[in-house]
Protein backbone atom coordinates (compact mmCIF):
# COMPACT_ATOMS: atom_id res chain seq x y z
CA MET A 1 53.40 14.29 -36.46
CA GLN A 2 54.65 11.08 -37.39
CA TYR A 3 54.71 9.26 -41.04
CA ARG A 4 54.78 6.27 -42.35
CA LEU A 5 55.48 4.83 -45.79
CA ASP A 6 52.66 2.88 -47.85
CA LYS A 7 53.65 0.23 -50.61
CA TYR A 8 54.52 2.79 -52.87
CA GLY A 9 56.27 5.65 -51.08
CA ASN A 10 53.88 7.80 -49.77
CA SER A 11 53.56 9.54 -46.43
CA VAL A 12 51.05 8.52 -44.14
CA SER A 13 50.26 9.96 -40.62
CA ALA A 14 50.77 7.37 -38.02
CA LEU A 15 47.39 8.57 -36.93
CA GLY A 16 44.34 8.38 -39.11
CA PHE A 17 41.02 9.91 -38.91
CA GLY A 18 38.29 6.84 -37.83
CA CYS A 19 35.05 8.57 -39.29
CA MET A 20 32.41 5.82 -37.83
CA ARG A 21 31.92 8.12 -34.82
CA PHE A 22 31.67 11.46 -35.76
CA PRO A 23 29.92 14.14 -33.14
CA GLN A 24 26.42 13.82 -33.00
CA LYS A 25 23.76 16.31 -32.00
CA MET A 26 19.54 15.37 -32.00
CA GLY A 27 20.73 11.91 -33.67
CA ARG A 28 22.79 13.66 -36.50
CA ILE A 29 26.16 14.22 -37.13
CA ASP A 30 26.87 17.48 -36.00
CA MET A 31 28.46 19.13 -38.61
CA GLU A 32 29.64 22.36 -37.08
CA GLU A 33 32.02 20.20 -34.64
CA THR A 34 32.83 17.69 -36.74
CA GLU A 35 34.46 20.31 -39.73
CA LYS A 36 36.27 21.97 -36.42
CA GLU A 37 37.71 18.25 -35.70
CA ILE A 38 38.59 17.53 -39.39
CA MET A 39 40.34 20.75 -40.09
CA HIS A 40 42.04 20.88 -36.75
CA ALA A 41 43.28 17.40 -37.76
CA ILE A 42 44.52 18.41 -41.19
CA GLN A 43 46.30 21.87 -39.89
CA ASN A 44 48.20 19.61 -37.44
CA GLY A 45 49.21 16.64 -40.10
CA VAL A 46 46.79 13.90 -40.13
CA ASN A 47 46.22 13.03 -43.69
CA TYR A 48 44.33 9.83 -43.53
CA PHE A 49 40.68 9.31 -43.12
CA ASP A 50 38.82 6.09 -42.80
CA THR A 51 34.81 5.86 -43.69
CA ALA A 52 32.64 3.17 -45.49
CA TYR A 53 29.61 2.78 -47.23
CA ILE A 54 27.76 1.92 -44.36
CA TYR A 55 28.69 4.58 -41.68
CA PRO A 56 25.45 6.44 -41.67
CA GLY A 57 26.07 9.74 -43.08
CA SER A 58 29.69 9.50 -42.57
CA GLU A 59 30.89 9.54 -46.36
CA SER A 60 28.82 12.54 -47.11
CA ALA A 61 29.88 14.57 -44.14
CA LEU A 62 33.54 13.85 -45.00
CA GLY A 63 33.19 14.59 -48.98
CA GLU A 64 30.92 18.15 -47.90
CA ILE A 65 33.92 19.15 -45.19
CA LEU A 66 36.74 18.37 -47.56
CA GLU A 67 35.34 20.02 -50.85
CA LYS A 68 34.24 23.02 -48.48
CA ASN A 69 37.57 23.86 -47.07
CA ASN A 70 39.13 22.80 -50.76
CA VAL A 71 41.64 20.22 -48.83
CA ARG A 72 40.40 17.22 -51.01
CA ASN A 73 44.30 16.97 -52.45
CA GLN A 74 45.50 17.17 -48.89
CA VAL A 75 44.65 13.98 -47.55
CA TYR A 76 44.05 10.06 -48.60
CA ILE A 77 40.42 9.20 -48.08
CA ALA A 78 40.07 5.49 -47.32
CA THR A 79 36.59 3.67 -47.68
CA LYS A 80 34.93 0.51 -48.51
CA LEU A 81 33.23 -1.81 -50.61
CA PRO A 82 30.18 -3.64 -48.94
CA HIS A 83 30.90 -7.13 -50.74
CA TYR A 84 27.94 -8.57 -48.48
CA LEU A 85 25.30 -5.74 -50.57
CA ILE A 86 26.92 -6.83 -54.05
CA ARG A 87 25.72 -9.84 -56.38
CA SER A 88 26.85 -8.59 -59.73
CA ARG A 89 29.57 -6.42 -61.16
CA GLU A 90 27.31 -3.80 -62.35
CA GLY A 91 26.23 -3.62 -58.74
CA MET A 92 29.86 -2.84 -57.56
CA GLU A 93 29.81 0.02 -60.12
CA LYS A 94 26.65 1.22 -59.00
CA LEU A 95 27.35 1.53 -55.55
CA PHE A 96 30.97 2.89 -56.21
CA ARG A 97 29.49 5.87 -58.05
CA GLU A 98 27.23 6.57 -55.17
CA GLU A 99 30.65 6.77 -52.61
CA LEU A 100 32.40 9.41 -55.48
CA LYS A 101 29.03 11.28 -55.45
CA ARG A 102 28.99 11.17 -51.46
CA LEU A 103 32.38 12.00 -51.01
CA ARG A 104 32.67 14.74 -53.83
CA THR A 105 36.08 13.29 -55.22
CA ASP A 106 36.75 11.60 -58.42
CA HIS A 107 39.19 9.18 -56.54
CA VAL A 108 39.29 7.27 -53.76
CA ASP A 109 43.08 6.39 -52.71
CA TYR A 110 42.66 3.49 -50.17
CA TYR A 111 39.53 1.16 -51.22
CA LEU A 112 39.05 -1.98 -48.80
CA MET A 113 36.87 -4.94 -49.48
CA HIS A 114 35.00 -4.40 -46.19
CA MET A 115 35.12 -6.74 -43.51
CA LEU A 116 35.97 -10.10 -45.50
CA THR A 117 35.63 -12.85 -43.43
CA ASP A 118 37.06 -15.88 -45.23
CA THR A 119 38.54 -16.98 -48.69
CA ALA A 120 35.37 -18.29 -49.98
CA THR A 121 33.85 -14.86 -49.71
CA TRP A 122 36.60 -13.49 -51.45
CA ASP A 123 36.63 -16.15 -54.44
CA LYS A 124 32.56 -15.76 -54.62
CA MET A 125 33.46 -11.59 -55.27
CA CYS A 126 36.38 -12.97 -57.86
CA ALA A 127 33.51 -15.04 -59.41
CA LEU A 128 31.84 -11.86 -59.82
CA GLY A 129 34.60 -10.34 -61.51
CA VAL A 130 35.73 -7.87 -58.90
CA LYS A 131 39.63 -8.79 -59.68
CA GLU A 132 38.44 -7.45 -63.49
CA TRP A 133 36.81 -4.28 -62.00
CA LEU A 134 39.09 -3.25 -59.77
CA GLU A 135 41.97 -3.14 -62.25
CA GLU A 136 40.16 -1.34 -64.35
CA LYS A 137 39.58 1.27 -61.71
CA LYS A 138 43.18 1.17 -60.94
CA ARG A 139 43.93 1.74 -64.73
CA THR A 140 41.93 5.01 -64.66
CA GLY A 141 42.96 6.21 -61.32
CA GLU A 142 39.56 6.17 -59.83
CA ILE A 143 40.79 3.85 -57.18
CA ARG A 144 44.51 4.04 -56.05
CA GLN A 145 45.11 1.33 -53.91
CA VAL A 146 43.21 -1.88 -52.79
CA GLY A 147 43.05 -3.80 -49.41
CA PHE A 148 40.45 -5.26 -47.18
CA SER A 149 39.47 -4.95 -43.50
CA TYR A 150 39.33 -8.14 -41.54
CA HIS A 151 37.82 -9.33 -38.42
CA GLY A 152 38.64 -13.31 -37.67
CA ASN A 153 41.73 -15.24 -36.91
CA SER A 154 44.96 -15.39 -37.84
CA ASP A 155 44.94 -18.42 -40.13
CA THR A 156 42.65 -16.98 -42.17
CA PHE A 157 43.54 -13.75 -42.40
CA CYS A 158 46.88 -15.12 -43.51
CA ARG A 159 45.09 -17.09 -46.44
CA LEU A 160 43.57 -13.69 -47.28
CA VAL A 161 46.61 -11.75 -47.76
CA ASP A 162 47.96 -14.54 -49.77
CA ALA A 163 44.66 -15.21 -51.86
CA TYR A 164 45.89 -11.56 -53.95
CA ASP A 165 48.22 -8.58 -54.76
CA TRP A 166 47.22 -6.31 -52.25
CA ASP A 167 48.22 -3.20 -51.61
CA PHE A 168 47.64 -2.87 -47.84
CA CYS A 169 45.26 -3.97 -45.41
CA GLN A 170 42.97 -3.53 -42.22
CA ILE A 171 42.83 -5.42 -39.07
CA GLN A 172 41.73 -5.01 -35.19
CA TYR A 173 45.06 -5.21 -32.85
CA ASN A 174 45.96 -3.95 -29.70
CA TYR A 175 47.36 -4.95 -26.34
CA MET A 176 44.71 -7.19 -25.76
CA ASP A 177 44.50 -8.58 -29.08
CA GLU A 178 47.93 -9.57 -29.77
CA ASN A 179 47.64 -13.06 -30.26
CA SER A 180 43.73 -13.20 -31.04
CA GLN A 181 42.03 -11.67 -34.27
CA ALA A 182 44.75 -11.30 -36.93
CA GLY A 183 47.19 -10.85 -34.23
CA ARG A 184 50.88 -10.48 -34.00
CA ARG A 185 51.19 -13.07 -36.20
CA GLY A 186 49.10 -11.55 -38.88
CA LEU A 187 50.46 -8.40 -38.83
CA ASN A 188 54.23 -10.14 -39.38
CA HIS A 189 52.75 -12.01 -42.09
CA ALA A 190 51.46 -8.63 -43.90
CA HIS A 191 54.31 -6.77 -43.01
CA ALA A 192 56.75 -9.86 -44.29
CA LYS A 193 54.96 -9.54 -47.63
CA GLY A 194 55.38 -5.92 -47.93
CA LEU A 195 51.88 -5.03 -46.94
CA PRO A 196 51.13 -1.71 -44.95
CA VAL A 197 48.88 -2.40 -42.10
CA ILE A 198 46.10 -0.14 -40.76
CA ILE A 199 44.99 -0.60 -37.29
CA MET A 200 41.56 -0.35 -36.32
CA GLU A 201 40.01 -0.82 -32.60
CA PRO A 202 43.44 0.36 -30.92
CA LEU A 203 41.20 0.73 -27.88
CA ARG A 204 38.56 -1.68 -28.26
CA GLY A 205 35.83 0.81 -28.86
CA GLY A 206 36.99 2.56 -25.85
CA LYS A 207 37.26 -0.46 -23.40
CA LEU A 208 40.69 -0.36 -22.98
CA VAL A 209 39.78 3.52 -21.66
CA ARG A 210 36.68 2.84 -20.18
CA ASN A 211 35.65 0.14 -17.41
CA LEU A 212 38.87 -1.32 -16.60
CA PRO A 213 39.64 -3.49 -13.50
CA LYS A 214 40.78 -1.59 -10.70
CA GLU A 215 43.71 -3.93 -10.59
CA ALA A 216 44.68 -2.45 -14.52
CA MET A 217 44.20 1.00 -13.42
CA LYS A 218 46.30 0.83 -10.52
CA LEU A 219 48.93 -0.30 -12.52
CA PHE A 220 48.56 2.58 -14.80
CA GLU A 221 48.49 5.03 -11.74
CA ASN A 222 51.81 3.34 -10.36
CA ALA A 223 53.77 3.18 -13.19
CA ALA A 224 57.04 4.99 -13.35
CA VAL A 225 55.99 7.78 -16.44
CA GLN A 226 52.51 8.90 -15.92
CA ARG A 227 50.32 8.23 -19.14
CA THR A 228 46.48 7.74 -19.90
CA PRO A 229 45.48 4.39 -20.13
CA ALA A 230 44.41 5.77 -24.36
CA GLN A 231 48.19 6.73 -24.45
CA TRP A 232 49.64 3.57 -23.05
CA ALA A 233 47.69 1.35 -25.81
CA LEU A 234 48.18 3.93 -28.70
CA ARG A 235 51.93 3.82 -27.61
CA TRP A 236 52.07 0.50 -27.54
CA LEU A 237 50.85 0.40 -31.17
CA TRP A 238 53.22 2.99 -32.29
CA ASP A 239 56.65 1.16 -30.76
CA GLN A 240 56.49 -1.37 -33.32
CA LYS A 241 57.76 -1.01 -37.17
CA GLU A 242 55.31 -3.22 -38.47
CA VAL A 243 52.20 -0.97 -37.85
CA THR A 244 51.45 1.73 -40.60
CA CYS A 245 48.77 3.69 -39.19
CA VAL A 246 46.39 3.81 -36.35
CA LEU A 247 42.83 4.53 -36.55
CA SER A 248 40.89 6.49 -33.75
CA GLY A 249 37.34 7.14 -33.88
CA MET A 250 37.92 10.46 -32.43
CA ASN A 251 34.80 12.84 -31.64
CA SER A 252 35.92 15.41 -29.07
CA MET A 253 38.53 18.08 -29.36
CA GLU A 254 40.37 16.73 -26.39
CA MET A 255 40.58 13.15 -27.61
CA LEU A 256 41.79 14.37 -30.76
CA GLU A 257 44.68 16.86 -29.34
CA GLU A 258 45.74 13.70 -27.02
CA ASN A 259 46.00 11.06 -29.83
CA MET A 260 47.97 13.71 -32.00
CA GLN A 261 50.34 14.81 -29.03
CA THR A 262 50.75 10.88 -28.64
CA ALA A 263 51.31 10.41 -32.58
CA SER A 264 53.57 13.04 -32.37
CA ASP A 265 55.90 11.84 -29.46
CA THR A 266 55.95 8.15 -29.96
CA GLN A 267 58.61 6.89 -32.02
CA ILE A 268 59.66 2.90 -32.92
CA GLY A 269 61.39 1.06 -30.05
CA ALA A 270 60.87 3.76 -27.67
CA MET A 271 59.25 1.45 -25.27
CA THR A 272 61.09 0.20 -21.97
CA GLU A 273 61.00 -3.35 -20.87
CA GLU A 274 59.88 -1.81 -17.70
CA ASP A 275 56.93 -0.11 -19.89
CA GLN A 276 56.20 -3.50 -21.53
CA THR A 277 56.29 -5.52 -18.52
CA MET A 278 53.63 -3.45 -17.14
CA LEU A 279 51.25 -3.53 -20.07
CA ARG A 280 51.71 -7.39 -19.56
CA GLN A 281 50.37 -6.84 -16.31
CA VAL A 282 47.25 -5.11 -17.39
CA VAL A 283 46.70 -7.75 -19.53
CA ALA A 284 46.93 -10.33 -16.63
CA ALA A 285 44.46 -8.26 -14.90
CA ILE A 286 41.59 -7.89 -17.66
CA ASN A 287 42.61 -11.30 -18.10
CA ALA A 288 41.62 -12.79 -14.46
CA ARG A 289 37.83 -11.61 -15.28
CA MET A 290 37.64 -13.51 -18.47
CA LYS A 291 35.20 -16.73 -18.82
CA VAL A 292 38.22 -19.03 -20.98
CA GLY A 293 42.01 -18.55 -20.47
CA CYS A 294 42.41 -18.76 -24.43
CA THR A 295 45.69 -17.08 -25.56
CA GLY A 296 44.58 -17.15 -29.09
CA CYS A 297 47.18 -19.33 -29.77
CA GLY A 298 45.66 -21.53 -32.40
CA TYR A 299 47.01 -25.04 -31.51
CA CYS A 300 43.81 -26.31 -31.08
CA MET A 301 42.88 -25.87 -35.11
CA PRO A 302 41.83 -26.83 -37.53
CA CYS A 303 38.32 -28.56 -35.74
CA PRO A 304 37.28 -31.43 -37.84
CA ARG A 305 33.89 -29.82 -37.34
CA ASN A 306 35.26 -26.44 -38.47
CA VAL A 307 34.26 -24.64 -35.08
CA ASP A 308 36.27 -21.59 -34.79
CA ILE A 309 37.55 -22.24 -31.22
CA PRO A 310 40.01 -18.82 -30.93
CA GLY A 311 37.34 -16.58 -32.36
CA THR A 312 34.35 -18.38 -29.86
CA PHE A 313 36.39 -17.83 -27.05
CA ALA A 314 37.71 -13.92 -27.69
CA ALA A 315 34.04 -12.87 -28.31
CA TYR A 316 32.87 -15.09 -25.26
CA ASN A 317 35.28 -13.08 -22.92
CA ARG A 318 34.10 -9.86 -24.24
CA ARG A 319 31.10 -10.40 -23.91
CA HIS A 320 31.78 -10.84 -20.15
CA THR A 321 34.69 -8.68 -19.69
CA GLU A 322 33.72 -5.61 -21.62
CA ASP A 323 30.30 -5.14 -23.75
CA LYS A 324 27.51 -8.34 -23.78
CA THR A 325 26.28 -6.73 -27.42
CA ARG A 326 29.50 -6.25 -28.92
CA GLY A 327 30.50 -9.71 -27.90
CA LEU A 328 27.47 -10.98 -29.54
CA ILE A 329 28.40 -9.25 -32.50
CA GLU A 330 31.66 -10.21 -32.63
CA TYR A 331 30.79 -14.00 -32.13
CA ALA A 332 27.69 -13.70 -34.98
CA MET A 333 30.89 -11.96 -37.42
CA CYS A 334 33.16 -14.79 -36.73
CA THR A 335 30.91 -17.83 -36.97
CA ALA A 336 27.60 -16.81 -38.61
CA PHE A 337 28.71 -14.64 -40.82
CA ARG A 338 30.72 -17.45 -43.07
CA LYS A 339 30.03 -19.63 -45.97
CA ASN A 340 30.02 -22.65 -43.77
CA ALA A 341 29.11 -21.82 -40.33
CA THR A 342 31.67 -22.05 -37.55
CA SER A 343 29.58 -21.81 -34.55
CA ALA A 344 30.34 -23.22 -31.03
CA SER A 345 27.22 -25.62 -31.36
CA ASN A 346 28.96 -27.52 -34.53
CA CYS A 347 31.18 -29.34 -31.95
CA ILE A 348 30.70 -32.98 -31.39
CA GLY A 349 32.86 -33.58 -28.14
CA CYS A 350 35.80 -35.52 -29.88
CA GLY A 351 38.60 -33.83 -27.95
CA LYS A 352 41.00 -33.17 -30.57
CA CYS A 353 41.52 -29.99 -29.81
CA GLU A 354 42.03 -30.65 -26.00
CA SER A 355 44.81 -32.47 -27.15
CA HIS A 356 46.82 -30.22 -28.29
CA CYS A 357 45.74 -27.25 -26.18
CA PRO A 358 49.02 -25.87 -24.52
CA GLN A 359 46.97 -24.44 -21.83
CA HIS A 360 45.18 -27.59 -21.53
CA LEU A 361 41.96 -25.86 -21.19
CA PRO A 362 38.60 -28.03 -21.12
CA ILE A 363 37.82 -26.77 -24.36
CA ARG A 364 34.49 -29.02 -25.34
CA GLU A 365 32.82 -27.76 -21.91
CA LYS A 366 33.72 -24.11 -22.61
CA LEU A 367 32.54 -24.45 -26.16
CA LYS A 368 28.93 -25.46 -24.75
CA GLU A 369 28.96 -22.81 -22.28
CA ALA A 370 29.63 -20.26 -24.68
CA ALA A 371 27.10 -21.76 -27.32
CA ASP A 372 24.65 -21.82 -24.52
CA ASP A 373 25.27 -18.42 -23.55
CA MET A 374 25.68 -16.85 -27.14
CA GLU A 375 23.38 -18.98 -29.72
CA GLY A 376 20.03 -17.66 -28.51
CA LEU A 377 17.28 -16.94 -31.08
CA LEU A 378 18.77 -13.66 -32.46
CA TYR A 379 21.79 -15.67 -33.32
CA LYS A 380 20.16 -18.60 -34.95
CA THR A 381 17.77 -16.34 -37.14
CA ALA A 382 20.95 -14.79 -38.30
CA ARG A 383 22.71 -17.81 -39.16
CA LYS A 384 19.33 -19.10 -41.32
CA ALA A 385 19.24 -15.68 -43.05
CA VAL A 386 23.02 -15.81 -44.18
CA LYS A 387 22.33 -19.38 -45.31
CA ILE A 388 18.83 -18.82 -47.31
CA PHE A 389 20.45 -15.41 -48.72
CA LYS A 390 23.85 -16.14 -49.03
CA ILE A 391 24.65 -12.56 -47.43
CA PHE A 392 28.77 -13.92 -46.81
CA GLY A 393 28.92 -16.87 -48.89
């Protein structure tokens, strides 16, 4: 297993165990199989385990297995504060106590603000006293390091990085999201500030392994070195010195074995120009099926009407190339679940964005298409609920 250092010099395994997708049996976590996989991972050097309050049964399962095998002190636990459920400092404390109880531990090694969407959300948490609460927890040792997880564009991510003295951060990043989500720009910004970066969705929930276009699969099959699509995707990430740990939601022993082997074999800077060219061709093959040829560069921003143009197009493309439901969820997360909604339907057709687009895309036309496709009754209901209950804002 390869290791990389966090902000304080601790060795973190290059492969992290994502605990959202534990093996299931009869609709419940299969504890026997989950224990086998977790213990096999630990015995082979995996020491970073990522869970969350809202992952059904995950914290409790992880805590039970670590306690039963007396290995709590051999690993780092990362879990998350669901700020969207918090209304007071007392609420933070109550929820955190519940997490410690579930995890059967007296401290959390890496504690994240779960799914921060913008600086306004962080400002709201600060008004509730989250800074003081976190500082108290760090003083007592109940929380060792504080970070945040993020889905959204690079501009907002960079502002969040600068908004607090974080210890680490977590982003969605893979060879398809190099220029969308936080992207390479966000990764480099965090690294320049000394922040370890934890990677989630390295395979886009398995979409970079399953249901790839035939053209993409042929490129993998004809590569000079034979690797699985998952191995190529993970190697692309571990090739970068800015990446600290890559999370994988492993739910089979075969997947775990392959990922651990890849993590052990991959060195920073080992990918050749031929490898990089092949992956760029894979990206082009996948992009050929996309609705909008947006690269996520962000030159169209800011929008006078606050439309998240790159975020909208990323979700619209995902809806039509990977998974319809996942695309809608991503769209809601990056537009409706904001204090001030950044929906495509906000567009008034001013055209400012198109004058700056290096791809010369018909942005106004595509925004209308995206709004018609993704802003149905369910989306509109969610947007109203966010405003009424102030879920995120």
